[in-house]
Each structure stands twice: as C-alpha cells, then as structure tokens.
C-alpha cells in the first residue's frame, strides 16, 4: 500500500487523508455507526469535516485495491 498520511488540521476542523492512490474511506463512531463515507480519486488529499463531532474515539477505514486499513482516531 502506498504511504498514507492521516492527521487533523491545526484548527481541528478537518481530518486530512493524504495518499497518491485512489482510496475509499469510512469514518465510524465507537458503536460502529457510519458517520462519513467517500472516496479520494485524483486529488492529492481529502478533508473530512470533524468540527461538529463530539470528543471521543472513532474508527477510520481506508480501502485500497481490495485491502482495508483501520486507524483509530481520538478527537
């Protein structure tokens, strides 16, 4: 899998995913309820608006060429 960068912006309003590859992503809460889903095609990064999410733990799923990567995110 190509290198993937995952971070929040300095203002804490967006979760940023950077990768040169096309991906699909899903952000779920601790109860695994889907909050946001989408894809990154030709753009260098994608931003997920998180400013209205409550502080807590979330699960980010990234799918690339049939493989899935899971990352826990704490806001």
C-alpha atoms as a PDB file:
ATOM      1  CA  UNK A   1       0.000   0.000   0.000  1.00  0.00           C
ATOM      2  CA  UNK A   2       1.276   3.461  -0.846  1.00  0.00           C
ATOM      3  CA  UNK A   3       2.199   5.744   2.023  1.00  0.00           C
ATOM      4  CA  UNK A   4      -0.878   7.261   3.663  1.00  0.00           C
ATOM      5  CA  UNK A   5      -0.797  10.376   5.849  1.00  0.00           C
ATOM      6  CA  UNK A   6      -3.634  10.889   8.340  1.00  0.00           C
ATOM      7  CA  UNK A   7      -3.778  13.988  10.552  1.00  0.00           C
ATOM      8  CA  UNK A   8      -6.042  16.776  11.784  1.00  0.00           C
ATOM      9  CA  UNK A   9      -5.539  20.313  10.561  1.00  0.00           C
ATOM     10  CA  UNK A  10      -4.178  22.903  13.047  1.00  0.00           C
ATOM     11  CA  UNK A  11      -7.666  24.294  13.750  1.00  0.00           C
ATOM     12  CA  UNK A  12      -9.070  20.809  14.450  1.00  0.00           C
ATOM     13  CA  UNK A  13     -11.840  21.231  11.889  1.00  0.00           C
ATOM     14  CA  UNK A  14     -10.784  18.558   9.380  1.00  0.00           C
ATOM     15  CA  UNK A  15      -9.323  15.082   9.325  1.00  0.00           C
ATOM     16  CA  UNK A  16      -6.945  15.025   6.355  1.00  0.00           C
ATOM     17  CA  UNK A  17      -6.010  11.890   4.416  1.00  0.00           C
ATOM     18  CA  UNK A  18      -3.063  12.211   2.020  1.00  0.00           C
ATOM     19  CA  UNK A  19      -2.032   9.479  -0.395  1.00  0.00           C
ATOM     20  CA  UNK A  20      -1.103   9.339  -4.080  1.00  0.00           C
ATOM     21  CA  UNK A  21      -3.533   6.444  -4.582  1.00  0.00           C
ATOM     22  CA  UNK A  22      -7.265   6.278  -5.092  1.00  0.00           C
ATOM     23  CA  UNK A  23      -8.998   5.143  -1.894  1.00  0.00           C
ATOM     24  CA  UNK A  24     -12.398   4.702  -0.317  1.00  0.00           C
ATOM     25  CA  UNK A  25     -12.890   5.756   3.299  1.00  0.00           C
ATOM     26  CA  UNK A  26     -15.416   5.393   6.112  1.00  0.00           C
ATOM     27  CA  UNK A  27     -15.444   7.148   9.470  1.00  0.00           C
ATOM     28  CA  UNK A  28     -17.488   5.453  12.211  1.00  0.00           C
ATOM     29  CA  UNK A  29     -18.107   6.133  15.875  1.00  0.00           C
ATOM     30  CA  UNK A  30     -17.259   3.687  18.684  1.00  0.00           C
ATOM     31  CA  UNK A  31     -20.563   1.873  18.175  1.00  0.00           C
ATOM     32  CA  UNK A  32     -19.543   1.375  14.513  1.00  0.00           C
ATOM     33  CA  UNK A  33     -22.278   3.697  13.230  1.00  0.00           C
ATOM     34  CA  UNK A  34     -21.173   5.103   9.889  1.00  0.00           C
ATOM     35  CA  UNK A  35     -20.752   8.881  10.045  1.00  0.00           C
ATOM     36  CA  UNK A  36     -18.972   9.731   6.780  1.00  0.00           C
ATOM     37  CA  UNK A  37     -18.081   7.739   3.662  1.00  0.00           C
ATOM     38  CA  UNK A  38     -16.456   8.768   0.419  1.00  0.00           C
ATOM     39  CA  UNK A  39     -13.517   8.375  -1.888  1.00  0.00           C
ATOM     40  CA  UNK A  40     -10.368  10.141  -2.966  1.00  0.00           C
ATOM     41  CA  UNK A  41      -9.766   9.911  -6.658  1.00  0.00           C
ATOM     42  CA  UNK A  42      -7.363  12.262  -8.436  1.00  0.00           C
ATOM     43  CA  UNK A  43      -6.910  14.926  -5.752  1.00  0.00           C
ATOM     44  CA  UNK A  44      -3.763  14.738  -3.559  1.00  0.00           C
ATOM     45  CA  UNK A  45      -5.758  14.699  -0.313  1.00  0.00           C
ATOM     46  CA  UNK A  46      -9.264  14.594   1.084  1.00  0.00           C
ATOM     47  CA  UNK A  47     -10.632  16.511   4.082  1.00  0.00           C
ATOM     48  CA  UNK A  48     -13.354  15.152   6.346  1.00  0.00           C
ATOM     49  CA  UNK A  49     -15.177  17.808   8.368  1.00  0.00           C
ATOM     50  CA  UNK A  50     -14.917  16.813  12.054  1.00  0.00           C
ATOM     51  CA  UNK A  51     -15.614  20.118  13.809  1.00  0.00           C
ATOM     52  CA  UNK A  52     -19.152  19.057  14.798  1.00  0.00           C
ATOM     53  CA  UNK A  53     -18.131  15.640  16.133  1.00  0.00           C
ATOM     54  CA  UNK A  54     -18.104  15.086  19.876  1.00  0.00           C
ATOM     55  CA  UNK A  55     -14.754  14.377  21.551  1.00  0.00           C
ATOM     56  CA  UNK A  56     -14.173  10.641  21.651  1.00  0.00           C
ATOM     57  CA  UNK A  57     -12.811   7.673  19.741  1.00  0.00           C
ATOM     58  CA  UNK A  58     -13.584   6.974  16.107  1.00  0.00           C
ATOM     59  CA  UNK A  59     -12.610   4.343  13.565  1.00  0.00           C
ATOM     60  CA  UNK A  60     -11.315   5.251  10.109  1.00  0.00           C
ATOM     61  CA  UNK A  61     -11.423   2.511   7.474  1.00  0.00           C
ATOM     62  CA  UNK A  62      -9.442   3.026   4.272  1.00  0.00           C
ATOM     63  CA  UNK A  63      -9.858   0.594   1.384  1.00  0.00           C
ATOM     64  CA  UNK A  64      -7.258   0.408  -1.370  1.00  0.00           C
ATOM     65  CA  UNK A  65      -7.103  -2.251  -4.094  1.00  0.00           C
ATOM     66  CA  UNK A  66      -9.228  -4.681  -2.074  1.00  0.00           C
ATOM     67  CA  UNK A  67      -7.192  -4.263   1.125  1.00  0.00           C
ATOM     68  CA  UNK A  68      -8.530  -2.479   4.208  1.00  0.00           C
ATOM     69  CA  UNK A  69      -6.583  -0.431   6.731  1.00  0.00           C
ATOM     70  CA  UNK A  70      -8.148   0.536  10.061  1.00  0.00           C
ATOM     71  CA  UNK A  71      -6.982   3.506  12.122  1.00  0.00           C
ATOM     72  CA  UNK A  72      -8.359   4.586  15.492  1.00  0.00           C
ATOM     73  CA  UNK A  73      -8.809   8.345  15.721  1.00  0.00           C
ATOM     74  CA  UNK A  74      -9.238  10.212  19.004  1.00  0.00           C
ATOM     75  CA  UNK A  75     -10.717  13.701  18.914  1.00  0.00           C
END
